[in-house]
Amino acid sequence: MARRARSRRDTGAAAIAAPPSPFIRRSLPFFDVLDEETVVKLEGQVDWILQEVGIEFRDDPDALRIWREAGADVSDCRVKAPADWVRSLCAKAPKEFTQIARNPERSVTIGGRNQVFAPIYGAPFVRDLEHGRRYGDLDALEKLVKLAYMHPNLHHTGLVIVEPCDIPVSHRHLDMLYLHMSRSDKPHLGAITEMSRAEDSVAMAEILHGREVMDKHCVIMGNVNTNSPLLVDKVVTQAIRVYCGRGQGIIVVPFILSGAMGPVSTAASVTQAMAEAMICCAFAQLVRPGAPFVLGNFLSSMSLKSGAPTFGMPEPVISNYAIGQMARRAGLPLRCGGSLTASKIEDAQAAYESADSMHSTMLAGSNYTLHAAGWLEGGLCTGFEKLVMDADRLGSYQKVLDHGLVVDDESLARDAYGEVVPGGHFLGCGHTMRNYTEAFYEPKLSDSENVESWEDGGSKDMRVRAFERWNAMLEQYEQPELDVATDEALREFVARRKREIPEAWY
């Protein structure tokens, strides 16, 4: 006779409800894999790149002017600088800072022992079980912003969770920002692809938060990539000048596929990434001393047969550990990638690669983890099911980081040994009854019941359960309250800028 489960996993409101978790305050020690001799050797390579090789700053005469006036060696557009000077400039950036959310209870602290999880960024395609793979649109982005807002294990909503490809490129940033500002009250990023879009982002952030708050706090950040190898283009320098010039934050991430945009050896690519990021941090501090800066790492291996990037491989895992350790020595907050995979759907490959990528990111001490949930197809596609599956697992990482191994009088449970006889069980003892509700992390999407119960429930696999969950979440969504006057001012700004900016689709 088939056994009946004591309870059936619920994908409705009861399963969705969870207390907000603004960010993680890490108690687990950092996983430092490099000995002192190795770190010093790697830092020597970083210094050599900064001083002897140099890094080019192209297409932004103002950036070169700032470097020259500061005393750097500028030849054509290549900048070389003494490493100790670059490090002294980097030391002006805060080791940790708070990004203020419009709901103060959701503000996040980045740097130090704090860790923040944000969803995928930048995918042009979206996928779900019902509609398959397709270009992203504004409707899909709105749903994803709502899901990122609702999920307690995502602390930050990023910006381009998927590209709204039905909106002209020249107007797209305005609609994206308004969705993040109105459908969520968590912190988010701003646009960076053109200087005017960065300026619009800062202007909208000032409308949302008020000039006085913005003058004193970081309320928005930009996320930019260097054009590796050894090239910083105007997208980066102009974004730094806009965001940091206004006292806001910037994340600079060398995007290095080892063997293409960096040497095939992981050690060389790690040092190149550090040099590229640190020179940008130094530039940010020349623009405005004390501007918040996050040093990014997105180092991936690749198939040397096809040129395709690979994820979850040992080389990028090791790079996370190495750069985490070096960023802490440089006194800079760290950004890494998260649940990364080359898989096209939420299959075993996606699970293995995402888990290995995210686990190393967690142990390495990434203070701000972009792509923590939703990444598919090497970053080309955002998966609705993948988003909630990844976010579900982030809760387990959060418990490890938050709590580690708790050792106190209650956790040692001496009274339980006085109550339970040898050969008995602890199921109903006082200690168990006091602690059972929070003793173990219970993932919402995993099915741990017996097979008969699973079959009675429709034999649903993880993808189906995830599909049901995100749809149920959207049914329960309630828009966070936004001041009417602020909302009207944001709408007016968006409408005015759309009238001023010609429609462009590229």
Protein backbone atom coordinates (compact mmCIF):
# COMPACT_ATOMS: atom_id res chain seq x y z
CA MET A 1 0.00 0.00 0.00
CA ALA A 2 1.35 3.45 -0.89
CA ARG A 3 2.28 5.57 2.10
CA ARG A 4 0.80 9.04 2.36
CA ALA A 5 2.99 12.02 3.11
CA ARG A 6 2.29 13.84 6.33
CA SER A 7 2.17 17.10 4.39
CA ARG A 8 2.24 18.27 0.79
CA ARG A 9 4.69 20.98 -0.30
CA ASP A 10 2.75 24.17 -0.97
CA THR A 11 3.56 26.52 -3.85
CA GLY A 12 1.01 29.10 -2.70
CA ALA A 13 1.20 32.06 -0.35
CA ALA A 14 2.35 30.11 2.70
CA ALA A 15 5.45 28.86 0.87
CA ILE A 16 6.20 32.31 -0.55
CA ALA A 17 6.01 34.23 2.70
CA ALA A 18 9.46 34.81 4.20
CA PRO A 19 11.04 37.53 6.32
CA PRO A 20 13.08 40.11 4.43
CA SER A 21 16.83 39.64 4.49
CA PRO A 22 18.50 42.96 3.61
CA PHE A 23 21.99 41.46 3.21
CA ILE A 24 24.33 38.89 4.75
CA ARG A 25 26.63 39.67 7.64
CA ARG A 26 29.22 36.98 7.24
CA SER A 27 30.44 35.09 10.31
CA LEU A 28 32.18 32.30 8.35
CA PRO A 29 35.95 32.88 7.95
CA PHE A 30 37.18 33.75 4.46
CA PHE A 31 38.68 30.92 2.43
CA ASP A 32 42.20 32.19 1.76
CA VAL A 33 44.04 29.68 -0.43
CA LEU A 34 47.26 31.57 -1.15
CA ASP A 35 50.30 31.64 1.13
CA GLU A 36 52.15 34.91 1.71
CA GLU A 37 54.92 34.14 -0.79
CA THR A 38 52.41 33.46 -3.56
CA VAL A 39 50.38 36.58 -2.85
CA VAL A 40 53.50 38.75 -2.90
CA LYS A 41 54.56 37.23 -6.22
CA LEU A 42 51.13 37.89 -7.74
CA GLU A 43 51.10 41.45 -6.43
CA GLY A 44 54.52 41.96 -7.99
CA GLN A 45 53.04 40.98 -11.35
CA VAL A 46 50.17 43.45 -10.82
CA ASP A 47 52.69 46.20 -10.06
CA TRP A 48 54.71 45.29 -13.17
CA ILE A 49 51.62 45.63 -15.39
CA LEU A 50 50.76 49.02 -13.87
CA GLN A 51 54.28 50.43 -14.11
CA GLU A 52 55.91 48.78 -17.12
CA VAL A 53 53.14 47.57 -19.42
CA GLY A 54 50.48 50.20 -18.80
CA ILE A 55 46.80 50.31 -19.64
CA GLU A 56 45.20 52.29 -22.45
CA PHE A 57 42.41 54.82 -21.84
CA ARG A 58 40.78 55.42 -25.21
CA ASP A 59 38.20 57.81 -26.66
CA ASP A 60 37.89 60.05 -23.61
CA PRO A 61 40.24 63.08 -23.73
CA ASP A 62 38.99 64.24 -20.34
CA ALA A 63 40.16 60.99 -18.76
CA LEU A 64 43.64 61.44 -20.20
CA ARG A 65 43.66 65.06 -19.03
CA ILE A 66 42.84 63.92 -15.48
CA TRP A 67 45.70 61.41 -15.57
CA ARG A 68 48.19 63.94 -16.93
CA GLU A 69 47.24 66.59 -14.39
CA ALA A 70 47.67 64.02 -11.61
CA GLY A 71 51.22 63.23 -12.81
CA ALA A 72 50.83 59.85 -14.52
CA ASP A 73 53.03 58.79 -17.44
CA VAL A 74 50.68 59.19 -20.42
CA SER A 75 52.02 58.28 -23.87
CA ASP A 76 49.41 58.66 -26.59
CA CYS A 77 46.57 56.97 -24.69
CA ARG A 78 48.58 54.47 -22.64
CA VAL A 79 48.77 55.22 -18.91
CA LYS A 80 51.58 53.97 -16.69
CA ALA A 81 51.79 54.80 -13.02
CA PRO A 82 53.89 53.84 -10.00
CA ALA A 83 52.19 50.93 -8.28
CA ASP A 84 52.55 52.40 -4.81
CA TRP A 85 50.78 55.56 -6.01
CA VAL A 86 47.96 53.53 -7.54
CA ARG A 87 47.59 51.58 -4.30
CA SER A 88 47.58 54.79 -2.26
CA LEU A 89 44.77 56.13 -4.45
CA CYS A 90 42.84 52.86 -4.06
CA ALA A 91 43.18 53.24 -0.30
CA LYS A 92 40.99 56.36 -0.51
CA ALA A 93 37.99 54.22 -1.55
CA PRO A 94 35.90 53.01 1.40
CA LYS A 95 36.46 49.42 2.51
CA GLU A 96 32.71 49.19 2.99
CA PHE A 97 29.78 51.45 2.26
CA THR A 98 25.99 51.37 2.36
CA GLN A 99 23.77 51.70 -0.67
CA ILE A 100 20.56 53.29 0.54
CA ALA A 101 17.31 51.74 -0.68
CA ARG A 102 14.11 53.77 -0.87
CA ASN A 103 12.88 51.45 1.86
CA PRO A 104 15.60 51.96 4.51
CA GLU A 105 15.00 48.45 5.86
CA ARG A 106 16.32 47.09 2.56
CA SER A 107 19.53 49.14 2.36
CA VAL A 108 22.63 47.00 1.83
CA THR A 109 26.18 47.33 3.13
CA ILE A 110 28.83 46.32 0.59
CA GLY A 111 32.36 45.43 1.62
CA GLY A 112 33.95 44.17 4.82
CA ARG A 113 32.27 40.97 5.98
CA ASN A 114 29.01 41.72 4.16
CA GLN A 115 27.64 39.87 1.15
CA VAL A 116 24.84 40.92 -1.20
CA PHE A 117 23.12 38.77 -3.84
CA ALA A 118 21.64 40.23 -7.07
CA PRO A 119 20.10 38.53 -10.13
CA ILE A 120 21.47 38.05 -13.65
CA TYR A 121 22.35 41.17 -15.64
CA GLY A 122 22.33 41.83 -19.36
CA ALA A 123 20.66 38.87 -21.08
CA PRO A 124 18.81 39.65 -24.35
CA PHE A 125 16.72 36.46 -24.19
CA VAL A 126 14.32 35.04 -21.64
CA ARG A 127 12.98 31.52 -21.16
CA ASP A 128 10.21 29.80 -19.24
CA LEU A 129 8.45 26.45 -19.42
CA GLU A 130 5.27 27.83 -20.98
CA HIS A 131 6.61 30.16 -23.67
CA GLY A 132 10.11 28.79 -24.30
CA ARG A 133 13.04 30.96 -25.40
CA ARG A 134 12.34 34.40 -26.83
CA TYR A 135 13.65 37.94 -26.90
CA GLY A 136 13.09 39.79 -23.65
CA ASP A 137 10.44 42.48 -23.47
CA LEU A 138 9.20 45.02 -20.96
CA ASP A 139 6.54 42.66 -19.64
CA ALA A 140 9.13 39.97 -18.89
CA LEU A 141 11.41 42.50 -17.20
CA GLU A 142 8.56 43.77 -15.03
CA LYS A 143 7.78 40.22 -13.88
CA LEU A 144 11.45 39.54 -13.12
CA VAL A 145 11.81 42.79 -11.16
CA LYS A 146 8.77 41.78 -9.09
CA LEU A 147 10.24 38.31 -8.44
CA ALA A 148 13.61 39.76 -7.42
CA TYR A 149 11.80 42.20 -5.13
CA MET A 150 9.71 39.44 -3.54
CA HIS A 151 12.41 36.84 -3.00
CA PRO A 152 14.02 37.13 0.45
CA ASN A 153 17.33 35.64 -0.73
CA LEU A 154 17.92 38.38 -3.32
CA HIS A 155 18.99 41.60 -1.64
CA HIS A 156 19.42 43.82 -4.71
CA THR A 157 17.54 43.91 -8.02
CA GLY A 158 20.41 44.88 -10.36
CA LEU A 159 19.06 46.51 -13.52
CA VAL A 160 18.99 44.56 -16.81
CA ILE A 161 17.53 41.30 -15.51
CA VAL A 162 16.58 40.90 -19.16
CA GLU A 163 16.79 43.38 -22.02
CA PRO A 164 13.35 44.82 -22.92
CA CYS A 165 13.95 44.45 -26.65
CA ASP A 166 10.53 45.87 -27.55
CA ILE A 167 11.68 49.32 -26.36
CA PRO A 168 14.06 51.50 -28.44
CA VAL A 169 17.62 51.19 -27.17
CA SER A 170 17.83 54.95 -26.67
CA HIS A 171 14.79 54.92 -24.35
CA ARG A 172 15.25 51.53 -22.74
CA HIS A 173 17.19 52.68 -19.68
CA LEU A 174 14.37 55.02 -18.65
CA ASP A 175 11.76 52.27 -18.59
CA MET A 176 14.10 49.86 -16.81
CA LEU A 177 14.92 52.37 -14.10
CA TYR A 178 11.29 53.29 -13.56
CA LEU A 179 10.36 49.61 -13.13
CA HIS A 180 13.06 49.10 -10.50
CA MET A 181 12.10 52.30 -8.70
CA SER A 182 8.34 51.67 -8.70
CA ARG A 183 7.86 47.87 -8.61
CA SER A 184 10.51 47.29 -5.95
CA ASP A 185 11.92 49.15 -2.97
CA LYS A 186 15.23 47.29 -2.92
CA PRO A 187 18.48 48.93 -4.11
CA HIS A 188 19.34 48.68 -7.81
CA LEU A 189 21.90 49.72 -10.42
CA GLY A 190 21.86 52.46 -13.06
CA ALA A 191 22.60 52.55 -16.79
CA ILE A 192 26.12 52.93 -18.18
CA THR A 193 26.09 52.33 -21.96
CA GLU A 194 26.25 56.05 -22.82
CA MET A 195 27.19 59.03 -20.70
CA SER A 196 23.73 60.57 -21.09
CA ARG A 197 22.10 57.37 -19.85
CA ALA A 198 24.31 57.37 -16.78
CA GLU A 199 23.34 61.02 -16.21
CA ASP A 200 19.64 60.13 -16.56
CA SER A 201 20.13 57.35 -13.99
CA VAL A 202 21.69 59.72 -11.48
CA ALA A 203 18.97 62.30 -12.12
CA MET A 204 16.19 59.77 -11.54
CA ALA A 205 17.93 58.53 -8.39
CA GLU A 206 17.96 62.11 -7.10
CA ILE A 207 14.21 62.41 -7.77
CA LEU A 208 13.60 59.15 -5.90
CA HIS A 209 15.80 59.80 -2.88
CA GLY A 210 16.07 63.59 -2.74
CA ARG A 211 19.15 65.74 -3.22
CA GLU A 212 20.02 65.93 0.46
CA VAL A 213 20.09 62.13 0.86
CA MET A 214 22.04 61.70 -2.36
CA ASP A 215 24.62 64.29 -1.34
CA LYS A 216 25.46 62.25 1.75
CA HIS A 217 24.91 58.63 0.69
CA CYS A 218 25.35 56.15 -2.12
CA VAL A 219 21.89 55.47 -3.56
CA ILE A 220 22.82 54.09 -7.00
CA MET A 221 25.79 52.37 -8.67
CA GLY A 222 26.93 51.66 -12.20
CA ASN A 223 28.43 48.34 -13.31
CA VAL A 224 30.96 48.48 -16.16
CA ASN A 225 33.43 46.12 -17.85
CA THR A 226 36.93 46.97 -18.98
CA ASN A 227 37.65 46.03 -22.59
CA SER A 228 40.27 43.43 -21.75
CA PRO A 229 43.11 43.05 -22.41
CA LEU A 230 44.49 46.26 -20.94
CA LEU A 231 41.95 48.66 -22.40
CA VAL A 232 39.61 51.07 -20.60
CA ASP A 233 37.22 52.73 -23.02
CA LYS A 234 35.01 55.79 -22.65
CA VAL A 235 32.03 53.77 -21.43
CA VAL A 236 34.03 53.03 -18.28
CA THR A 237 35.65 56.43 -17.76
CA GLN A 238 32.49 58.40 -18.49
CA ALA A 239 30.46 56.19 -16.15
CA ILE A 240 33.09 56.74 -13.44
CA ARG A 241 32.98 60.49 -13.99
CA VAL A 242 29.18 60.56 -13.81
CA TYR A 243 28.60 58.22 -10.88
CA CYS A 244 31.69 58.91 -8.79
CA GLY A 245 31.59 62.60 -9.64
CA ARG A 246 28.22 62.67 -7.90
CA GLY A 247 29.48 60.65 -4.94
CA GLN A 248 27.79 57.47 -6.11
CA GLY A 249 29.27 53.99 -6.54
CA ILE A 250 30.93 52.27 -9.47
CA ILE A 251 31.68 48.58 -10.04
CA VAL A 252 34.45 47.88 -12.55
CA VAL A 253 34.78 44.32 -13.80
CA PRO A 254 37.51 43.05 -16.14
CA PHE A 255 35.70 40.46 -18.31
CA ILE A 256 38.48 38.01 -19.12
CA LEU A 257 38.19 34.74 -21.00
CA SER A 258 41.56 33.17 -20.27
CA GLY A 259 43.24 32.31 -23.55
CA ALA A 260 41.49 35.17 -25.40
CA MET A 261 41.24 38.40 -23.40
CA GLY A 262 43.97 37.25 -21.03
CA PRO A 263 46.79 34.72 -21.04
CA VAL A 264 45.78 31.08 -20.91
CA SER A 265 47.31 30.72 -17.44
CA THR A 266 45.00 31.54 -14.53
CA ALA A 267 47.73 33.29 -12.51
CA ALA A 268 48.44 35.77 -15.31
CA SER A 269 44.75 36.45 -15.92
CA VAL A 270 44.17 37.05 -12.21
CA THR A 271 46.94 39.64 -12.06
CA GLN A 272 45.73 41.31 -15.25
CA ALA A 273 42.23 41.57 -13.77
CA MET A 274 43.62 43.12 -10.59
CA ALA A 275 45.69 45.66 -12.55
CA GLU A 276 42.78 46.68 -14.80
CA ALA A 277 40.39 47.09 -11.89
CA MET A 278 42.87 48.90 -9.63
CA ILE A 279 43.81 51.47 -12.28
CA CYS A 280 40.09 52.23 -12.64
CA CYS A 281 39.75 52.56 -8.88
CA ALA A 282 42.65 54.98 -8.86
CA PHE A 283 40.97 56.99 -11.64
CA ALA A 284 37.72 57.04 -9.66
CA GLN A 285 39.55 58.47 -6.67
CA LEU A 286 41.12 61.17 -8.85
CA VAL A 287 37.62 62.11 -9.95
CA ARG A 288 36.35 62.18 -6.36
CA PRO A 289 38.34 60.92 -3.36
CA GLY A 290 36.28 58.57 -1.24
CA ALA A 291 33.87 57.58 -4.03
CA PRO A 292 32.52 54.05 -3.44
CA PHE A 293 34.27 51.50 -5.66
CA VAL A 294 33.81 47.74 -6.07
CA LEU A 295 36.58 45.67 -7.66
CA GLY A 296 35.07 43.11 -9.97
CA ASN A 297 36.16 39.71 -11.20
CA PHE A 298 34.63 37.84 -14.11
CA LEU A 299 37.32 35.44 -15.16
CA SER A 300 36.17 32.45 -17.20
CA SER A 301 37.87 29.56 -18.88
CA MET A 302 37.00 28.75 -22.49
CA SER A 303 36.95 25.92 -24.96
CA LEU A 304 40.11 26.37 -26.99
CA LYS A 305 38.46 24.29 -29.73
CA SER A 306 35.34 26.43 -30.21
CA GLY A 307 36.10 29.67 -28.36
CA ALA A 308 32.97 29.27 -26.23
CA PRO A 309 33.21 30.31 -22.56
CA THR A 310 32.91 27.56 -19.96
CA PHE A 311 31.59 27.94 -16.43
CA GLY A 312 31.93 26.08 -13.16
CA MET A 313 35.37 24.90 -14.21
CA PRO A 314 38.31 24.66 -11.79
CA GLU A 315 40.20 27.64 -13.22
CA PRO A 316 37.55 30.33 -12.59
CA VAL A 317 36.80 28.72 -9.22
CA ILE A 318 40.44 29.17 -8.22
CA SER A 319 40.44 32.71 -9.61
CA ASN A 320 37.54 33.63 -7.30
CA TYR A 321 39.55 32.49 -4.27
CA ALA A 322 42.72 34.26 -5.42
CA ILE A 323 41.09 37.59 -6.30
CA GLY A 324 39.03 37.50 -3.13
CA GLN A 325 42.20 37.29 -1.09
CA MET A 326 43.99 39.97 -3.13
CA ALA A 327 41.02 42.37 -3.04
CA ARG A 328 40.93 42.18 0.75
CA ARG A 329 44.65 42.96 0.90
CA ALA A 330 44.00 45.96 -1.36
CA GLY A 331 41.19 47.07 0.98
CA LEU A 332 38.54 47.03 -1.76
CA PRO A 333 35.05 45.50 -1.84
CA LEU A 334 34.78 42.59 -4.27
CA ARG A 335 32.24 41.65 -6.96
CA CYS A 336 32.15 38.18 -8.50
CA GLY A 337 29.81 36.29 -10.80
CA GLY A 338 27.35 33.86 -9.23
CA SER A 339 25.27 30.91 -10.48
CA LEU A 340 26.93 30.68 -13.89
CA THR A 341 26.40 27.98 -16.50
CA ALA A 342 26.71 27.38 -20.23
CA SER A 343 23.64 25.14 -20.16
CA LYS A 344 20.60 26.15 -22.19
CA ILE A 345 18.01 24.90 -19.70
CA GLU A 346 17.78 24.07 -15.99
CA ASP A 347 19.35 20.61 -16.29
CA ALA A 348 22.09 18.67 -14.49
CA GLN A 349 24.80 20.67 -16.28
CA ALA A 350 23.22 23.91 -15.08
CA ALA A 351 23.00 22.58 -11.53
CA TYR A 352 26.60 21.39 -11.34
CA GLU A 353 28.17 24.43 -12.99
CA SER A 354 26.03 26.94 -11.11
CA ALA A 355 26.68 25.28 -7.75
CA ASP A 356 30.46 25.19 -8.28
CA SER A 357 30.51 28.81 -9.47
CA MET A 358 28.29 30.13 -6.69
CA HIS A 359 29.91 28.11 -3.91
CA SER A 360 33.37 29.45 -4.73
CA THR A 361 31.95 32.97 -4.98
CA MET A 362 30.47 32.57 -1.51
CA LEU A 363 33.63 31.20 0.11
CA ALA A 364 35.83 33.75 -1.69
CA GLY A 365 33.97 36.57 0.06
CA SER A 366 32.28 38.32 -2.86
CA ASN A 367 30.71 41.38 -1.26
CA TYR A 368 28.38 41.99 -4.20
CA THR A 369 27.43 39.01 -6.35
CA LEU A 370 25.79 39.83 -9.65
CA HIS A 371 24.29 36.91 -11.62
CA ALA A 372 23.48 35.09 -8.37
CA ALA A 373 20.21 33.82 -9.88
CA GLY A 374 18.67 33.29 -13.31
CA TRP A 375 21.76 32.87 -15.54
CA LEU A 376 21.53 30.47 -18.51
CA GLU A 377 23.31 29.98 -21.83
CA GLY A 378 26.51 31.76 -20.88
CA GLY A 379 24.56 34.85 -19.84
CA LEU A 380 22.57 35.20 -23.06
CA CYS A 381 19.32 34.05 -21.48
CA THR A 382 17.43 34.65 -18.23
CA GLY A 383 15.45 31.67 -17.00
CA PHE A 384 12.32 32.31 -14.94
CA GLU A 385 12.58 28.84 -13.43
CA LYS A 386 16.35 29.22 -13.04
CA LEU A 387 15.85 32.50 -11.16
CA VAL A 388 13.72 30.98 -8.41
CA MET A 389 15.72 27.73 -8.34
CA ASP A 390 19.00 29.61 -7.83
CA ALA A 391 17.46 31.99 -5.30
CA ASP A 392 16.13 29.01 -3.36
CA ARG A 393 19.67 27.66 -3.02
CA LEU A 394 21.00 31.08 -2.02
CA GLY A 395 19.14 30.61 1.24
CA SER A 396 21.38 27.69 2.14
CA TYR A 397 24.50 29.75 1.39
CA GLN A 398 23.07 32.53 3.50
CA LYS A 399 22.67 30.23 6.48
CA VAL A 400 26.24 28.98 6.16
CA LEU A 401 27.59 32.53 5.93
CA ASP A 402 25.34 34.04 8.59
CA HIS A 403 25.63 31.37 11.23
CA GLY A 404 28.47 28.97 10.51
CA LEU A 405 28.68 26.48 13.35
CA VAL A 406 26.87 27.95 16.34
CA VAL A 407 28.43 26.79 19.62
CA ASP A 408 26.65 27.94 22.79
CA ASP A 409 24.82 26.39 25.72
CA GLU A 410 21.63 25.90 23.73
CA SER A 411 23.33 24.35 20.69
CA LEU A 412 25.30 21.87 22.84
CA ALA A 413 21.93 20.55 24.11
CA ARG A 414 23.10 19.09 27.43
CA ASP A 415 19.56 19.05 28.82
CA ALA A 416 18.51 16.78 25.92
CA TYR A 417 20.97 14.11 27.00
CA GLY A 418 19.38 14.16 30.46
CA GLU A 419 15.96 13.64 28.92
CA VAL A 420 16.70 10.98 26.26
CA VAL A 421 17.78 7.51 27.33
CA PRO A 422 20.47 5.59 25.42
CA GLY A 423 18.93 4.00 22.35
CA GLY A 424 15.99 6.44 22.47
CA HIS A 425 15.35 9.37 20.15
CA PHE A 426 15.40 13.16 20.29
CA LEU A 427 12.28 13.78 18.18
CA GLY A 428 10.01 14.88 20.99
CA CYS A 429 12.44 16.12 23.62
CA GLY A 430 12.34 19.67 24.95
CA HIS A 431 15.44 20.80 23.08
CA THR A 432 14.06 19.63 19.76
CA MET A 433 10.70 21.26 20.40
CA ARG A 434 12.39 24.56 21.23
CA ASN A 435 14.52 24.62 18.10
CA TYR A 436 12.93 22.53 15.37
CA THR A 437 11.42 25.43 13.42
CA GLU A 438 14.83 26.96 12.68
CA ALA A 439 17.18 24.01 13.14
CA PHE A 440 17.52 23.18 9.44
CA TYR A 441 17.26 25.15 6.23
CA GLU A 442 14.28 23.89 4.24
CA PRO A 443 14.48 24.72 0.54
CA LYS A 444 11.08 25.60 -0.86
CA LEU A 445 11.59 23.79 -4.17
CA SER A 446 13.23 20.53 -3.10
CA ASP A 447 10.98 17.48 -2.69
CA SER A 448 12.16 15.23 0.14
CA GLU A 449 8.97 13.19 0.51
CA ASN A 450 8.69 9.49 -0.36
CA VAL A 451 8.21 8.42 -3.96
CA GLU A 452 4.56 7.48 -3.45
CA SER A 453 3.76 10.98 -2.23
CA TRP A 454 5.71 12.47 -5.14
CA GLU A 455 3.78 10.35 -7.62
CA ASP A 456 0.46 11.24 -5.96
CA GLY A 457 1.37 14.91 -6.42
CA GLY A 458 1.92 14.53 -10.17
CA SER A 459 5.58 13.40 -10.31
CA LYS A 460 6.69 17.01 -10.76
CA ASP A 461 10.36 17.67 -11.34
CA MET A 462 12.21 20.75 -10.12
CA ARG A 463 11.50 22.78 -13.26
CA VAL A 464 7.75 22.27 -12.95
CA ARG A 465 7.81 23.13 -9.26
CA ALA A 466 9.80 26.28 -10.04
CA PHE A 467 7.35 27.25 -12.79
CA GLU A 468 4.46 26.93 -10.35
CA ARG A 469 6.31 28.86 -7.68
CA TRP A 470 7.17 31.95 -9.71
CA ASN A 471 3.65 32.13 -11.09
CA ALA A 472 2.25 31.85 -7.58
CA MET A 473 4.62 34.58 -6.41
CA LEU A 474 3.40 36.95 -9.10
CA GLU A 475 -0.21 36.27 -8.07
CA GLN A 476 0.72 37.34 -4.54
CA TYR A 477 2.71 40.42 -5.58
CA GLU A 478 1.78 43.73 -3.99
CA GLN A 479 3.48 46.87 -5.26
CA PRO A 480 5.45 48.68 -2.55
CA GLU A 481 4.06 52.09 -1.73
CA LEU A 482 5.69 55.01 -3.53
CA ASP A 483 5.05 58.64 -2.69
CA VAL A 484 2.55 60.00 -5.23
CA ALA A 485 4.49 63.20 -5.92
CA THR A 486 7.74 61.26 -6.37
CA ASP A 487 6.07 58.82 -8.74
CA GLU A 488 4.62 61.68 -10.77
CA ALA A 489 8.02 63.39 -10.94
CA LEU A 490 9.66 60.16 -12.17
CA ARG A 491 6.98 59.67 -14.83
CA GLU A 492 7.35 63.27 -15.99
CA PHE A 493 11.13 62.90 -16.23
CA VAL A 494 10.81 59.71 -18.27
CA ALA A 495 8.24 61.27 -20.61
CA ARG A 496 10.31 64.42 -21.10
CA ARG A 497 13.52 62.53 -21.83
CA LYS A 498 11.72 60.29 -24.33
CA ARG A 499 10.53 63.40 -26.16
CA GLU A 500 14.08 64.79 -26.18
CA ILE A 501 15.87 61.59 -27.22
CA PRO A 502 15.27 60.33 -30.79
CA GLU A 503 14.23 56.69 -31.02
CA ALA A 504 17.15 54.44 -31.91
CA TRP A 505 17.10 50.64 -32.11
CA TYR A 506 20.84 50.03 -31.97
